[in-house]
PDB file of N, CA and C in Angstrom:
ATOM      1  N   MET A   1     136.114  46.391  48.824  1.00  0.00           N
ATOM      2  CA  MET A   1     135.754  45.207  49.559  1.00  0.00           C
ATOM      3  C   MET A   1     134.403  44.722  49.043  1.00  0.00           C
ATOM      4  N   LYS A   2     134.324  43.479  48.729  1.00  0.00           N
ATOM      5  CA  LYS A   2     133.055  42.880  48.315  1.00  0.00           C
ATOM      6  C   LYS A   2     132.098  42.851  49.508  1.00  0.00           C
ATOM      7  N   TRP A   3     130.816  42.876  49.192  1.00  0.00           N
ATOM      8  CA  TRP A   3     129.834  42.976  50.279  1.00  0.00           C
ATOM      9  C   TRP A   3     129.831  41.688  51.140  1.00  0.00           C
ATOM     10  N   HIS A   4     130.185  40.540  50.540  1.00  0.00           N
ATOM     11  CA  HIS A   4     130.242  39.303  51.313  1.00  0.00           C
ATOM     12  C   HIS A   4     131.332  39.419  52.392  1.00  0.00           C
ATOM     13  N   ALA A   5     132.451  39.977  52.035  1.00  0.00           N
ATOM     14  CA  ALA A   5     133.541  40.163  53.022  1.00  0.00           C
ATOM     15  C   ALA A   5     133.131  41.134  54.126  1.00  0.00           C
ATOM     16  N   GLY A   6     132.408  42.182  53.758  1.00  0.00           N
ATOM     17  CA  GLY A   6     131.929  43.135  54.753  1.00  0.00           C
ATOM     18  C   GLY A   6     130.981  42.497  55.749  1.00  0.00           C
ATOM     19  N   VAL A   7     130.107  41.644  55.268  1.00  0.00           N
ATOM     20  CA  VAL A   7     129.191  40.932  56.151  1.00  0.00           C
ATOM     21  C   VAL A   7     129.935  39.975  57.060  1.00  0.00           C
ATOM     22  N   ALA A   8     130.907  39.265  56.496  1.00  0.00           N
ATOM     23  CA  ALA A   8     131.697  38.306  57.310  1.00  0.00           C
ATOM     24  C   ALA A   8     132.484  39.017  58.387  1.00  0.00           C
ATOM     25  N   VAL A   9     133.129  40.127  58.041  1.00  0.00           N
ATOM     26  CA  VAL A   9     133.884  40.892  59.036  1.00  0.00           C
ATOM     27  C   VAL A   9     132.930  41.493  60.072  1.00  0.00           C
ATOM     28  N   GLY A  10     131.780  41.967  59.612  1.00  0.00           N
ATOM     29  CA  GLY A  10     130.778  42.501  60.556  1.00  0.00           C
ATOM     30  C   GLY A  10     130.280  41.474  61.515  1.00  0.00           C
ATOM     31  N   LEU A  11     129.999  40.241  61.022  1.00  0.00           N
ATOM     32  CA  LEU A  11     129.551  39.174  61.912  1.00  0.00           C
ATOM     33  C   LEU A  11     130.646  38.797  62.920  1.00  0.00           C
ATOM     34  N   GLY A  12     131.891  38.813  62.471  1.00  0.00           N
ATOM     35  CA  GLY A  12     133.010  38.552  63.397  1.00  0.00           C
ATOM     36  C   GLY A  12     133.075  39.598  64.496  1.00  0.00           C
ATOM     37  N   LEU A  13     132.939  40.862  64.110  1.00  0.00           N
ATOM     38  CA  LEU A  13     132.951  41.932  65.129  1.00  0.00           C
ATOM     39  C   LEU A  13     131.775  41.787  66.121  1.00  0.00           C
ATOM     40  N   VAL A  14     130.596  41.458  65.592  1.00  0.00           N
ATOM     41  CA  VAL A  14     129.447  41.291  66.486  1.00  0.00           C
ATOM     42  C   VAL A  14     129.700  40.124  67.450  1.00  0.00           C
ATOM     43  N   LEU A  15     130.229  39.020  66.944  1.00  0.00           N
ATOM     44  CA  LEU A  15     130.483  37.873  67.808  1.00  0.00           C
ATOM     45  C   LEU A  15     131.546  38.174  68.859  1.00  0.00           C
ATOM     46  N   ILE A  16     132.663  38.751  68.444  1.00  0.00           N
ATOM     47  CA  ILE A  16     133.729  39.062  69.397  1.00  0.00           C
ATOM     48  C   ILE A  16     133.244  40.106  70.421  1.00  0.00           C
ATOM     49  N   GLY A  17     132.549  41.124  69.962  1.00  0.00           N
ATOM     50  CA  GLY A  17     132.052  42.144  70.872  1.00  0.00           C
ATOM     51  C   GLY A  17     131.039  41.582  71.853  1.00  0.00           C
ATOM     52  N   ALA A  18     130.153  40.702  71.380  1.00  0.00           N
ATOM     53  CA  ALA A  18     129.161  40.117  72.282  1.00  0.00           C
ATOM     54  C   ALA A  18     129.827  39.210  73.318  1.00  0.00           C
ATOM     55  N   LEU A  19     130.821  38.455  72.894  1.00  0.00           N
ATOM     56  CA  LEU A  19     131.550  37.625  73.867  1.00  0.00           C
ATOM     57  C   LEU A  19     132.286  38.440  74.892  1.00  0.00           C
ATOM     58  N   LYS A  20     132.902  39.534  74.487  1.00  0.00           N
ATOM     59  CA  LYS A  20     133.624  40.417  75.394  1.00  0.00           C
ATOM     60  C   LYS A  20     132.654  41.060  76.366  1.00  0.00           C
ATOM     61  N   THR A  21     131.520  41.521  75.851  1.00  0.00           N
ATOM     62  CA  THR A  21     130.534  42.161  76.711  1.00  0.00           C
ATOM     63  C   THR A  21     129.985  41.151  77.713  1.00  0.00           C
ATOM     64  N   TRP A  22     129.695  39.938  77.277  1.00  0.00           N
ATOM     65  CA  TRP A  22     129.194  38.907  78.171  1.00  0.00           C
ATOM     66  C   TRP A  22     130.222  38.574  79.251  1.00  0.00           C
ATOM     67  N   ALA A  23     131.482  38.447  78.887  1.00  0.00           N
ATOM     68  CA  ALA A  23     132.531  38.174  79.890  1.00  0.00           C
ATOM     69  C   ALA A  23     132.664  39.338  80.859  1.00  0.00           C
ATOM     70  N   HIS A  24     132.542  40.553  80.344  1.00  0.00           N
ATOM     71  CA  HIS A  24     132.671  41.726  81.210  1.00  0.00           C
ATOM     72  C   HIS A  24     131.498  41.829  82.160  1.00  0.00           C
ATOM     73  N   VAL A  25     130.306  41.481  81.701  1.00  0.00           N
ATOM     74  CA  VAL A  25     129.110  41.521  82.568  1.00  0.00           C
ATOM     75  C   VAL A  25     129.253  40.485  83.683  1.00  0.00           C
ATOM     76  N   GLU A  26     129.731  39.299  83.346  1.00  0.00           N
ATOM     77  CA  GLU A  26     129.928  38.274  84.367  1.00  0.00           C
ATOM     78  C   GLU A  26     130.990  38.657  85.392  1.00  0.00           C
ATOM     79  N   ALA A  27     132.028  39.333  84.950  1.00  0.00           N
ATOM     80  CA  ALA A  27     133.103  39.728  85.849  1.00  0.00           C
ATOM     81  C   ALA A  27     132.737  40.952  86.695  1.00  0.00           C
ATOM     82  N   ALA A  28     131.715  41.695  86.289  1.00  0.00           N
ATOM     83  CA  ALA A  28     131.377  42.946  86.981  1.00  0.00           C
ATOM     84  C   ALA A  28     130.596  42.705  88.261  1.00  0.00           C
ATOM     85  N   ARG A  29     130.314  41.477  88.617  1.00  0.00           N
ATOM     86  CA  ARG A  29     129.558  41.221  89.838  1.00  0.00           C
ATOM     87  C   ARG A  29     130.418  41.343  91.100  1.00  0.00           C
ATOM     88  N   THR A  30     131.723  41.331  90.913  1.00  0.00           N
ATOM     89  CA  THR A  30     132.625  41.534  92.060  1.00  0.00           C
ATOM     90  C   THR A  30     133.651  42.627  91.706  1.00  0.00           C
ATOM     91  N   LEU A  31     134.100  43.263  92.747  1.00  0.00           N
ATOM     92  CA  LEU A  31     135.133  44.305  92.595  1.00  0.00           C
ATOM     93  C   LEU A  31     136.316  43.858  93.445  1.00  0.00           C
ATOM     94  N   THR A  32     137.462  43.639  92.814  1.00  0.00           N
ATOM     95  CA  THR A  32     138.657  43.207  93.528  1.00  0.00           C
ATOM     96  C   THR A  32     139.612  44.363  93.682  1.00  0.00           C
ATOM     97  N   LEU A  33     139.940  44.702  94.909  1.00  0.00           N
ATOM     98  CA  LEU A  33     140.869  45.797  95.199  1.00  0.00           C
ATOM     99  C   LEU A  33     142.150  45.218  95.764  1.00  0.00           C
ATOM    100  N   PRO A  34     143.304  45.623  95.198  1.00  0.00           N
ATOM    101  CA  PRO A  34     144.558  45.099  95.737  1.00  0.00           C
ATOM    102  C   PRO A  34     144.881  45.767  97.082  1.00  0.00           C
ATOM    103  N   GLY A  35     145.458  44.981  97.968  1.00  0.00           N
ATOM    104  CA  GLY A  35     145.836  45.506  99.260  1.00  0.00           C
ATOM    105  C   GLY A  35     147.346  45.389  99.484  1.00  0.00           C
ATOM    106  N   CYS A  36     147.775  45.606 100.671  1.00  0.00           N
ATOM    107  CA  CYS A  36     149.199  45.523 100.994  1.00  0.00           C
ATOM    108  C   CYS A  36     149.674  44.092 101.048  1.00  0.00           C
ATOM    109  N   LEU A  37     150.926  43.859 100.669  1.00  0.00           N
ATOM    110  CA  LEU A  37     151.583  42.551 100.735  1.00  0.00           C
ATOM    111  C   LEU A  37     150.858  41.493  99.928  1.00  0.00           C
ATOM    112  N   GLY A  38     150.297  41.883  98.791  1.00  0.00           N
ATOM    113  CA  GLY A  38     149.651  40.925  97.893  1.00  0.00           C
ATOM    114  C   GLY A  38     148.246  40.503  98.295  1.00  0.00           C
ATOM    115  N   SER A  39     147.698  41.117  99.320  1.00  0.00           N
ATOM    116  CA  SER A  39     146.334  40.746  99.684  1.00  0.00           C
ATOM    117  C   SER A  39     145.315  41.392  98.760  1.00  0.00           C
ATOM    118  N   GLU A  40     144.149  40.839  98.720  1.00  0.00           N
ATOM    119  CA  GLU A  40     143.075  41.375  97.888  1.00  0.00           C
ATOM    120  C   GLU A  40     141.817  41.480  98.706  1.00  0.00           C
ATOM    121  N   PHE A  41     141.042  42.502  98.391  1.00  0.00           N
ATOM    122  CA  PHE A  41     139.740  42.693  99.015  1.00  0.00           C
ATOM    123  C   PHE A  41     138.683  42.527  97.945  1.00  0.00           C
ATOM    124  N   VAL A  42     137.782  41.603  98.139  1.00  0.00           N
ATOM    125  CA  VAL A  42     136.720  41.339  97.158  1.00  0.00           C
ATOM    126  C   VAL A  42     135.419  41.895  97.694  1.00  0.00           C
ATOM    127  N   ILE A  43     134.811  42.796  96.926  1.00  0.00           N
ATOM    128  CA  ILE A  43     133.561  43.399  97.318  1.00  0.00           C
ATOM    129  C   ILE A  43     132.498  42.863  96.368  1.00  0.00           C
ATOM    130  N   ARG A  44     131.464  42.270  96.907  1.00  0.00           N
ATOM    131  CA  ARG A  44     130.376  41.762  96.076  1.00  0.00           C
ATOM    132  C   ARG A  44     129.434  42.897  95.742  1.00  0.00           C
ATOM    133  N   LEU A  45     129.074  42.943  94.472  1.00  0.00           N
ATOM    134  CA  LEU A  45     128.165  44.002  94.006  1.00  0.00           C
ATOM    135  C   LEU A  45     126.779  43.418  93.793  1.00  0.00           C
ATOM    136  N   GLY A  46     125.797  44.264  93.848  1.00  0.00           N
ATOM    137  CA  GLY A  46     124.446  43.817  93.532  1.00  0.00           C
ATOM    138  C   GLY A  46     124.321  43.630  92.033  1.00  0.00           C
ATOM    139  N   ALA A  47     123.257  44.104  91.469  1.00  0.00           N
ATOM    140  CA  ALA A  47     123.078  44.028  90.015  1.00  0.00           C
ATOM    141  C   ALA A  47     123.994  45.032  89.353  1.00  0.00           C
ATOM    142  N   PRO A  48     124.787  44.621  88.355  1.00  0.00           N
ATOM    143  CA  PRO A  48     125.668  45.561  87.700  1.00  0.00           C
ATOM    144  C   PRO A  48     124.881  46.595  86.898  1.00  0.00           C
ATOM    145  N   THR A  49     125.352  47.815  86.944  1.00  0.00           N
ATOM    146  CA  THR A  49     124.711  48.888  86.192  1.00  0.00           C
ATOM    147  C   THR A  49     125.373  49.025  84.798  1.00  0.00           C
ATOM    148  N   ALA A  50     124.804  49.871  83.978  1.00  0.00           N
ATOM    149  CA  ALA A  50     125.345  50.052  82.632  1.00  0.00           C
ATOM    150  C   ALA A  50     126.750  50.612  82.657  1.00  0.00           C
ATOM    151  N   MET A  51     127.045  51.469  83.628  1.00  0.00           N
ATOM    152  CA  MET A  51     128.384  52.031  83.715  1.00  0.00           C
ATOM    153  C   MET A  51     129.408  50.994  84.125  1.00  0.00           C
ATOM    154  N   GLN A  52     129.019  49.995  84.873  1.00  0.00           N
ATOM    155  CA  GLN A  52     129.967  48.991  85.313  1.00  0.00           C
ATOM    156  C   GLN A  52     130.250  47.954  84.224  1.00  0.00           C
ATOM    157  N   VAL A  53     129.323  47.758  83.319  1.00  0.00           N
ATOM    158  CA  VAL A  53     129.517  46.703  82.319  1.00  0.00           C
ATOM    159  C   VAL A  53     129.891  47.260  80.943  1.00  0.00           C
ATOM    160  N   HIS A  54     130.085  48.550  80.817  1.00  0.00           N
ATOM    161  CA  HIS A  54     130.414  49.147  79.526  1.00  0.00           C
ATOM    162  C   HIS A  54     131.882  48.931  79.202  1.00  0.00           C
ATOM    163  N   CYS A  55     132.142  48.409  78.012  1.00  0.00           N
ATOM    164  CA  CYS A  55     133.540  48.128  77.602  1.00  0.00           C
ATOM    165  C   CYS A  55     133.634  48.285  76.086  1.00  0.00           C
ATOM    166  N   TRP A  56     134.779  47.906  75.531  1.00  0.00           N
ATOM    167  CA  TRP A  56     134.978  48.047  74.080  1.00  0.00           C
ATOM    168  C   TRP A  56     134.114  47.049  73.299  1.00  0.00           C
ATOM    169  N   GLY A  57     133.584  46.037  73.958  1.00  0.00           N
ATOM    170  CA  GLY A  57     132.721  45.070  73.274  1.00  0.00           C
ATOM    171  C   GLY A  57     131.446  45.715  72.730  1.00  0.00           C
ATOM    172  N   CYS A  58     130.948  46.718  73.440  1.00  0.00           N
ATOM    173  CA  CYS A  58     129.753  47.436  72.974  1.00  0.00           C
ATOM    174  C   CYS A  58     130.065  48.127  71.641  1.00  0.00           C
ATOM    175  N   TYR A  59     131.210  48.749  71.538  1.00  0.00           N
ATOM    176  CA  TYR A  59     131.601  49.441  70.324  1.00  0.00           C
ATOM    177  C   TYR A  59     131.866  48.465  69.182  1.00  0.00           C
ATOM    178  N   ALA A  60     132.400  47.300  69.492  1.00  0.00           N
ATOM    179  CA  ALA A  60     132.650  46.280  68.479  1.00  0.00           C
ATOM    180  C   ALA A  60     131.319  45.758  67.911  1.00  0.00           C
ATOM    181  N   VAL A  61     130.338  45.532  68.780  1.00  0.00           N
ATOM    182  CA  VAL A  61     129.031  45.081  68.307  1.00  0.00           C
ATOM    183  C   VAL A  61     128.383  46.156  67.440  1.00  0.00           C
ATOM    184  N   LEU A  62     128.462  47.408  67.858  1.00  0.00           N
ATOM    185  CA  LEU A  62     127.883  48.510  67.113  1.00  0.00           C
ATOM    186  C   LEU A  62     128.571  48.630  65.743  1.00  0.00           C
ATOM    187  N   MET A  63     129.887  48.586  65.706  1.00  0.00           N
ATOM    188  CA  MET A  63     130.598  48.705  64.452  1.00  0.00           C
ATOM    189  C   MET A  63     130.306  47.536  63.527  1.00  0.00           C
ATOM    190  N   GLY A  64     130.169  46.325  64.082  1.00  0.00           N
ATOM    191  CA  GLY A  64     129.817  45.185  63.287  1.00  0.00           C
ATOM    192  C   GLY A  64     128.443  45.319  62.645  1.00  0.00           C
ATOM    193  N   LEU A  65     127.469  45.798  63.428  1.00  0.00           N
ATOM    194  CA  LEU A  65     126.125  46.014  62.894  1.00  0.00           C
ATOM    195  C   LEU A  65     126.115  47.066  61.799  1.00  0.00           C
ATOM    196  N   VAL A  66     126.882  48.136  62.014  1.00  0.00           N
ATOM    197  CA  VAL A  66     126.978  49.190  60.977  1.00  0.00           C
ATOM    198  C   VAL A  66     127.622  48.643  59.717  1.00  0.00           C
ATOM    199  N   LEU A  67     128.652  47.838  59.873  1.00  0.00           N
ATOM    200  CA  LEU A  67     129.346  47.259  58.697  1.00  0.00           C
ATOM    201  C   LEU A  67     128.426  46.307  57.949  1.00  0.00           C
ATOM    202  N   ILE A  68     127.638  45.495  58.651  1.00  0.00           N
ATOM    203  CA  ILE A  68     126.690  44.597  57.989  1.00  0.00           C
ATOM    204  C   ILE A  68     125.653  45.392  57.245  1.00  0.00           C
ATOM    205  N   ALA A  69     125.069  46.394  57.899  1.00  0.00           N
ATOM    206  CA  ALA A  69     124.035  47.219  57.244  1.00  0.00           C
ATOM    207  C   ALA A  69     124.620  47.948  56.021  1.00  0.00           C
ATOM    208  N   GLY A  70     125.819  48.476  56.181  1.00  0.00           N
ATOM    209  CA  GLY A  70     126.463  49.161  55.057  1.00  0.00           C
ATOM    210  C   GLY A  70     126.767  48.230  53.917  1.00  0.00           C
ATOM    211  N   SER A  71     127.161  47.015  54.219  1.00  0.00           N
ATOM    212  CA  SER A  71     127.459  46.028  53.161  1.00  0.00           C
ATOM    213  C   SER A  71     126.217  45.661  52.394  1.00  0.00           C
ATOM    214  N   PHE A  72     125.100  45.474  53.090  1.00  0.00           N
ATOM    215  CA  PHE A  72     123.845  45.176  52.382  1.00  0.00           C
ATOM    216  C   PHE A  72     123.387  46.386  51.576  1.00  0.00           C
ATOM    217  N   ALA A  73     123.514  47.566  52.124  1.00  0.00           N
ATOM    218  CA  ALA A  73     123.124  48.775  51.378  1.00  0.00           C
ATOM    219  C   ALA A  73     124.006  48.936  50.134  1.00  0.00           C
ATOM    220  N   TRP A  74     125.294  48.683  50.257  1.00  0.00           N
ATOM    221  CA  TRP A  74     126.204  48.794  49.110  1.00  0.00           C
ATOM    222  C   TRP A  74     125.811  47.749  48.045  1.00  0.00           C
ATOM    223  N   SER A  75     125.493  46.557  48.468  1.00  0.00           N
ATOM    224  CA  SER A  75     125.096  45.510  47.526  1.00  0.00           C
ATOM    225  C   SER A  75     123.868  45.905  46.780  1.00  0.00           C
ATOM    226  N   ARG A  76     122.890  46.444  47.460  1.00  0.00           N
ATOM    227  CA  ARG A  76     121.647  46.854  46.806  1.00  0.00           C
ATOM    228  C   ARG A  76     121.889  48.050  45.858  1.00  0.00           C
ATOM    229  N   TRP A  77     122.675  49.009  46.319  1.00  0.00           N
ATOM    230  CA  TRP A  77     122.987  50.179  45.495  1.00  0.00           C
ATOM    231  C   TRP A  77     123.725  49.769  44.229  1.00  0.00           C
ATOM    232  N   GLU A  78     124.661  48.867  44.397  1.00  0.00           N
ATOM    233  CA  GLU A  78     125.452  48.414  43.263  1.00  0.00           C
ATOM    234  C   GLU A  78     124.560  47.678  42.249  1.00  0.00           C
ATOM    235  N   ARG A  79     123.645  46.867  42.737  1.00  0.00           N
ATOM    236  CA  ARG A  79     122.771  46.086  41.887  1.00  0.00           C
ATOM    237  C   ARG A  79     121.758  46.976  41.148  1.00  0.00           C
ATOM    238  N   GLN A  80     121.205  47.958  41.844  1.00  0.00           N
ATOM    239  CA  GLN A  80     120.119  48.759  41.249  1.00  0.00           C
ATOM    240  C   GLN A  80     120.626  49.956  40.455  1.00  0.00           C
ATOM    241  N   ILE A  81     121.733  50.546  40.841  1.00  0.00           N
ATOM    242  CA  ILE A  81     122.139  51.808  40.211  1.00  0.00           C
ATOM    243  C   ILE A  81     123.381  51.634  39.346  1.00  0.00           C
ATOM    244  N   MET A  82     124.393  51.011  39.870  1.00  0.00           N
ATOM    245  CA  MET A  82     125.661  50.957  39.154  1.00  0.00           C
ATOM    246  C   MET A  82     125.596  50.062  37.921  1.00  0.00           C
ATOM    247  N   ARG A  83     125.074  48.868  38.017  1.00  0.00           N
ATOM    248  CA  ARG A  83     125.081  47.956  36.885  1.00  0.00           C
ATOM    249  C   ARG A  83     124.231  48.426  35.739  1.00  0.00           C
ATOM    250  N   PRO A  84     122.999  48.925  35.962  1.00  0.00           N
ATOM    251  CA  PRO A  84     122.255  49.473  34.823  1.00  0.00           C
ATOM    252  C   PRO A  84     122.933  50.681  34.208  1.00  0.00           C
ATOM    253  N   ALA A  85     123.561  51.514  35.017  1.00  0.00           N
ATOM    254  CA  ALA A  85     124.245  52.692  34.476  1.00  0.00           C
ATOM    255  C   ALA A  85     125.430  52.296  33.632  1.00  0.00           C
ATOM    256  N   LEU A  86     126.150  51.284  34.034  1.00  0.00           N
ATOM    257  CA  LEU A  86     127.304  50.818  33.260  1.00  0.00           C
ATOM    258  C   LEU A  86     126.868  50.164  31.970  1.00  0.00           C
ATOM    259  N   SER A  87     125.736  49.431  31.977  1.00  0.00           N
ATOM    260  CA  SER A  87     125.284  48.781  30.737  1.00  0.00           C
ATOM    261  C   SER A  87     124.752  49.809  29.750  1.00  0.00           C
ATOM    262  N   VAL A  88     124.171  50.930  30.219  1.00  0.00           N
ATOM    263  CA  VAL A  88     123.700  51.965  29.321  1.00  0.00           C
ATOM    264  C   VAL A  88     124.888  52.630  28.658  1.00  0.00           C
ATOM    265  N   ARG A  89     125.931  52.922  29.404  1.00  0.00           N
ATOM    266  CA  ARG A  89     127.120  53.569  28.831  1.00  0.00           C
ATOM    267  C   ARG A  89     127.811  52.660  27.826  1.00  0.00           C
ATOM    268  N   SER A  90     127.942  51.406  28.132  1.00  0.00           N
ATOM    269  CA  SER A  90     128.660  50.502  27.224  1.00  0.00           C
ATOM    270  C   SER A  90     127.828  50.161  25.979  1.00  0.00           C
ATOM    271  N   GLY A  91     126.506  50.261  26.082  1.00  0.00           N
ATOM    272  CA  GLY A  91     125.619  49.938  24.925  1.00  0.00           C
ATOM    273  C   GLY A  91     125.511  51.099  23.958  1.00  0.00           C
ATOM    274  N   ALA A  92     125.867  52.303  24.333  1.00  0.00           N
ATOM    275  CA  ALA A  92     125.670  53.464  23.447  1.00  0.00           C
ATOM    276  C   ALA A  92     126.743  53.616  22.422  1.00  0.00           C
TER     277      ALA A  92
END
């Protein structure tokens, strides 16, 4: 995978994860419990805690950031180490 593609996929993961986390935080202010015969009980919560707002969006943001950092590291490694090594081998 080219490093540009890694950065693009990483940014997509960060965006999707951030949107999911934001939607989950907004929805965590109420707790809806199903009752009998289709009724629902809505319980209002105070400030949501970290346990109430934790979802897969957090992991998507983390994976996106790791992918972006890895792509930049790969690009730098390829530029500094691989290309000079290949030119030395082909020039000999």
